[in-house]
Amino acid sequence: MEILAQILQRLNEIEAKISAPKISNQEHLTPKEACQAIGISRTKYEQLKRDGYIKDYKLTSGGRKRYVKRSEISQLFPKDFVAA
C-alpha cells in the first residue's frame, strides 16, 4: 500500500509539471514562452511583431533562434503578463 501511495504521489507531481505552463525565468523568452506569458496565440504574436509592437532578437550573429525581451513584453502587456 505504501508503494502505491508513493506512485500516486509521483504521478500527481508529474501531471502538475506537465500541465503548468513553462515560462522561462530568464530575460530572453522564446516566442512560445512570450505567448504563454501574455496569453495570446502565436498568430496574434506574429501580427503584433509585423505591426511593430513586439521586437525579437537573435542572441548570436549566426543563431537562427529568435528571442523576446521579458522586460519589453511586461511593459507592453502589464496586466496580462504572467510572472514566473
N, C-alpha and C. Protein backbone atom coordinates (compact mmCIF):
# COMPACT_ATOMS: atom_id res chain seq x y z
N MET A 1 0.82 -1.21 0.00
CA MET A 1 0.00 0.00 0.00
C MET A 1 0.86 1.26 0.00
N GLU A 2 1.95 1.24 0.72
CA GLU A 2 2.83 2.41 0.78
C GLU A 2 3.44 2.70 -0.59
N ILE A 3 3.81 1.66 -1.29
CA ILE A 3 4.40 1.83 -2.62
C ILE A 3 3.37 2.45 -3.56
N LEU A 4 2.14 2.00 -3.47
CA LEU A 4 1.08 2.55 -4.31
C LEU A 4 0.87 4.04 -4.01
N ALA A 5 0.91 4.42 -2.75
CA ALA A 5 0.77 5.83 -2.37
C ALA A 5 1.92 6.65 -2.94
N GLN A 6 3.13 6.12 -2.91
CA GLN A 6 4.29 6.82 -3.47
C GLN A 6 4.15 6.99 -4.98
N ILE A 7 3.68 5.96 -5.64
CA ILE A 7 3.48 6.01 -7.09
C ILE A 7 2.43 7.06 -7.44
N LEU A 8 1.33 7.08 -6.70
CA LEU A 8 0.29 8.07 -6.95
C LEU A 8 0.78 9.49 -6.70
N GLN A 9 1.58 9.67 -5.66
CA GLN A 9 2.13 10.99 -5.37
C GLN A 9 3.04 11.44 -6.50
N ARG A 10 3.88 10.55 -6.97
CA ARG A 10 4.80 10.87 -8.06
C ARG A 10 4.04 11.19 -9.35
N LEU A 11 2.99 10.44 -9.64
CA LEU A 11 2.17 10.70 -10.83
C LEU A 11 1.51 12.08 -10.73
N ASN A 12 1.06 12.45 -9.56
CA ASN A 12 0.46 13.77 -9.37
C ASN A 12 1.49 14.87 -9.60
N GLU A 13 2.72 14.66 -9.14
CA GLU A 13 3.79 15.64 -9.35
C GLU A 13 4.10 15.79 -10.84
N ILE A 14 4.16 14.68 -11.54
CA ILE A 14 4.44 14.70 -12.98
C ILE A 14 3.31 15.41 -13.72
N GLU A 15 2.08 15.10 -13.36
CA GLU A 15 0.93 15.73 -14.00
C GLU A 15 0.94 17.25 -13.78
N ALA A 16 1.30 17.69 -12.59
CA ALA A 16 1.37 19.12 -12.31
C ALA A 16 2.44 19.79 -13.16
N LYS A 17 3.57 19.13 -13.34
CA LYS A 17 4.65 19.70 -14.16
C LYS A 17 4.25 19.78 -15.63
N ILE A 18 3.53 18.79 -16.10
CA ILE A 18 3.12 18.76 -17.50
C ILE A 18 2.07 19.82 -17.78
N SER A 19 1.12 19.99 -16.88
CA SER A 19 0.01 20.90 -17.14
C SER A 19 0.36 22.36 -16.87
N ALA A 20 1.38 22.63 -16.07
CA ALA A 20 1.77 24.01 -15.77
C ALA A 20 2.49 24.61 -16.97
N PRO A 21 2.13 25.84 -17.35
CA PRO A 21 2.86 26.46 -18.45
C PRO A 21 4.31 26.71 -18.05
N LYS A 22 5.21 26.43 -18.95
CA LYS A 22 6.63 26.59 -18.66
C LYS A 22 7.09 27.93 -19.23
N ILE A 23 7.31 28.87 -18.35
CA ILE A 23 7.77 30.19 -18.76
C ILE A 23 9.13 30.41 -18.14
N SER A 24 10.08 30.67 -18.98
CA SER A 24 11.45 30.86 -18.53
C SER A 24 11.56 32.02 -17.56
N ASN A 25 12.47 31.91 -16.61
CA ASN A 25 12.70 32.96 -15.64
C ASN A 25 13.81 33.90 -16.12
N GLN A 26 14.30 33.69 -17.31
CA GLN A 26 15.40 34.50 -17.83
C GLN A 26 14.85 35.73 -18.55
N GLU A 27 15.74 36.66 -18.85
CA GLU A 27 15.35 37.91 -19.50
C GLU A 27 14.87 37.68 -20.94
N HIS A 28 15.41 36.69 -21.62
CA HIS A 28 15.04 36.44 -23.01
C HIS A 28 14.09 35.26 -23.10
N LEU A 29 12.93 35.48 -23.70
CA LEU A 29 11.92 34.44 -23.86
C LEU A 29 11.85 34.03 -25.32
N THR A 30 11.52 32.78 -25.53
CA THR A 30 11.22 32.34 -26.89
C THR A 30 9.85 32.90 -27.25
N PRO A 31 9.52 32.97 -28.53
CA PRO A 31 8.17 33.43 -28.89
C PRO A 31 7.07 32.60 -28.21
N LYS A 32 7.27 31.31 -28.10
CA LYS A 32 6.29 30.45 -27.44
C LYS A 32 6.11 30.84 -25.98
N GLU A 33 7.21 31.07 -25.28
CA GLU A 33 7.14 31.48 -23.88
C GLU A 33 6.48 32.85 -23.74
N ALA A 34 6.77 33.76 -24.66
CA ALA A 34 6.15 35.08 -24.63
C ALA A 34 4.63 34.98 -24.82
N CYS A 35 4.21 34.14 -25.75
CA CYS A 35 2.78 33.93 -25.97
C CYS A 35 2.11 33.37 -24.72
N GLN A 36 2.75 32.42 -24.06
CA GLN A 36 2.20 31.86 -22.83
C GLN A 36 2.14 32.92 -21.74
N ALA A 37 3.14 33.76 -21.66
CA ALA A 37 3.22 34.76 -20.60
C ALA A 37 2.11 35.81 -20.71
N ILE A 38 1.73 36.16 -21.94
CA ILE A 38 0.71 37.19 -22.11
C ILE A 38 -0.63 36.63 -22.57
N GLY A 39 -0.68 35.32 -22.78
CA GLY A 39 -1.95 34.67 -23.10
C GLY A 39 -2.49 34.97 -24.49
N ILE A 40 -1.60 34.96 -25.49
CA ILE A 40 -2.04 35.17 -26.86
C ILE A 40 -1.60 34.00 -27.73
N SER A 41 -2.21 33.90 -28.90
CA SER A 41 -1.83 32.85 -29.84
C SER A 41 -0.57 33.24 -30.58
N ARG A 42 0.06 32.27 -31.21
CA ARG A 42 1.26 32.55 -31.99
C ARG A 42 0.92 33.42 -33.20
N THR A 43 -0.28 33.25 -33.76
CA THR A 43 -0.71 34.08 -34.88
C THR A 43 -0.82 35.54 -34.46
N LYS A 44 -1.40 35.78 -33.31
CA LYS A 44 -1.52 37.15 -32.79
C LYS A 44 -0.14 37.72 -32.50
N TYR A 45 0.75 36.90 -31.97
CA TYR A 45 2.13 37.33 -31.71
C TYR A 45 2.79 37.80 -33.01
N GLU A 46 2.66 37.01 -34.06
CA GLU A 46 3.25 37.35 -35.35
C GLU A 46 2.65 38.64 -35.91
N GLN A 47 1.36 38.84 -35.71
CA GLN A 47 0.70 40.06 -36.16
C GLN A 47 1.25 41.27 -35.39
N LEU A 48 1.40 41.14 -34.07
CA LEU A 48 1.95 42.24 -33.26
C LEU A 48 3.40 42.53 -33.65
N LYS A 49 4.13 41.49 -33.98
CA LYS A 49 5.52 41.67 -34.42
C LYS A 49 5.57 42.39 -35.76
N ARG A 50 4.72 41.98 -36.68
CA ARG A 50 4.66 42.59 -38.00
C ARG A 50 4.25 44.07 -37.91
N ASP A 51 3.36 44.38 -36.96
CA ASP A 51 2.90 45.75 -36.78
C ASP A 51 3.87 46.60 -35.97
N GLY A 52 4.96 46.01 -35.49
CA GLY A 52 5.99 46.75 -34.79
C GLY A 52 5.82 46.88 -33.28
N TYR A 53 4.83 46.20 -32.71
CA TYR A 53 4.62 46.27 -31.26
C TYR A 53 5.61 45.39 -30.49
N ILE A 54 5.98 44.27 -31.10
CA ILE A 54 6.92 43.33 -30.47
C ILE A 54 8.15 43.25 -31.36
N LYS A 55 9.30 43.33 -30.75
CA LYS A 55 10.56 43.18 -31.49
C LYS A 55 11.28 41.96 -30.95
N ASP A 56 11.75 41.11 -31.85
CA ASP A 56 12.52 39.96 -31.39
C ASP A 56 13.97 40.09 -31.85
N TYR A 57 14.82 39.33 -31.21
CA TYR A 57 16.27 39.45 -31.40
C TYR A 57 16.91 38.08 -31.58
N LYS A 58 18.04 38.07 -32.26
CA LYS A 58 18.92 36.90 -32.29
C LYS A 58 19.97 37.15 -31.22
N LEU A 59 20.27 36.15 -30.41
CA LEU A 59 21.26 36.33 -29.36
C LEU A 59 22.68 36.20 -29.87
N THR A 60 22.85 35.45 -30.97
CA THR A 60 24.17 35.32 -31.58
C THR A 60 24.06 35.67 -33.05
N SER A 61 25.17 36.08 -33.63
CA SER A 61 25.13 36.51 -35.03
C SER A 61 24.79 35.36 -35.98
N GLY A 62 25.21 34.16 -35.67
CA GLY A 62 24.94 33.03 -36.55
C GLY A 62 23.73 32.22 -36.12
N GLY A 63 23.10 32.62 -35.03
CA GLY A 63 21.98 31.85 -34.49
C GLY A 63 20.71 32.01 -35.29
N ARG A 64 19.90 30.99 -35.29
CA ARG A 64 18.63 31.04 -36.01
C ARG A 64 17.47 31.34 -35.06
N LYS A 65 17.62 31.04 -33.78
CA LYS A 65 16.54 31.24 -32.83
C LYS A 65 16.35 32.72 -32.52
N ARG A 66 15.09 33.08 -32.37
CA ARG A 66 14.73 34.45 -32.06
C ARG A 66 14.23 34.49 -30.61
N TYR A 67 14.46 35.62 -29.96
CA TYR A 67 14.05 35.79 -28.57
C TYR A 67 13.40 37.15 -28.39
N VAL A 68 12.59 37.26 -27.34
CA VAL A 68 11.92 38.49 -26.99
C VAL A 68 12.37 38.86 -25.58
N LYS A 69 12.58 40.14 -25.34
CA LYS A 69 12.99 40.57 -24.02
C LYS A 69 11.78 40.55 -23.08
N ARG A 70 11.94 39.89 -21.94
CA ARG A 70 10.87 39.80 -20.94
C ARG A 70 10.42 41.20 -20.52
N SER A 71 11.36 42.11 -20.34
CA SER A 71 11.03 43.46 -19.88
C SER A 71 10.16 44.19 -20.90
N GLU A 72 10.40 43.99 -22.18
CA GLU A 72 9.59 44.65 -23.21
C GLU A 72 8.17 44.10 -23.23
N ILE A 73 8.05 42.79 -23.08
CA ILE A 73 6.72 42.17 -23.06
C ILE A 73 5.93 42.65 -21.84
N SER A 74 6.58 42.69 -20.68
CA SER A 74 5.87 43.09 -19.47
C SER A 74 5.48 44.57 -19.52
N GLN A 75 6.23 45.41 -20.24
CA GLN A 75 5.86 46.82 -20.40
C GLN A 75 4.67 46.98 -21.36
N LEU A 76 4.65 46.18 -22.42
CA LEU A 76 3.57 46.26 -23.39
C LEU A 76 2.26 45.72 -22.83
N PHE A 77 2.36 44.66 -22.04
CA PHE A 77 1.17 43.98 -21.51
C PHE A 77 1.26 43.84 -19.99
N PRO A 78 1.27 44.95 -19.24
CA PRO A 78 1.48 44.84 -17.80
C PRO A 78 0.40 44.07 -17.06
N LYS A 79 -0.85 44.17 -17.50
CA LYS A 79 -1.94 43.47 -16.81
C LYS A 79 -1.99 42.00 -17.17
N ASP A 80 -1.58 41.66 -18.38
CA ASP A 80 -1.68 40.29 -18.87
C ASP A 80 -0.45 39.45 -18.60
N PHE A 81 0.67 40.10 -18.28
CA PHE A 81 1.93 39.38 -18.14
C PHE A 81 1.90 38.48 -16.92
N VAL A 82 2.26 37.21 -17.12
CA VAL A 82 2.34 36.24 -16.03
C VAL A 82 3.79 36.13 -15.62
N ALA A 83 4.09 36.56 -14.41
CA ALA A 83 5.47 36.44 -13.91
C ALA A 83 5.76 35.01 -13.54
N ALA A 84 6.97 34.59 -13.80
CA ALA A 84 7.36 33.21 -13.49
C ALA A 84 7.66 33.07 -12.03
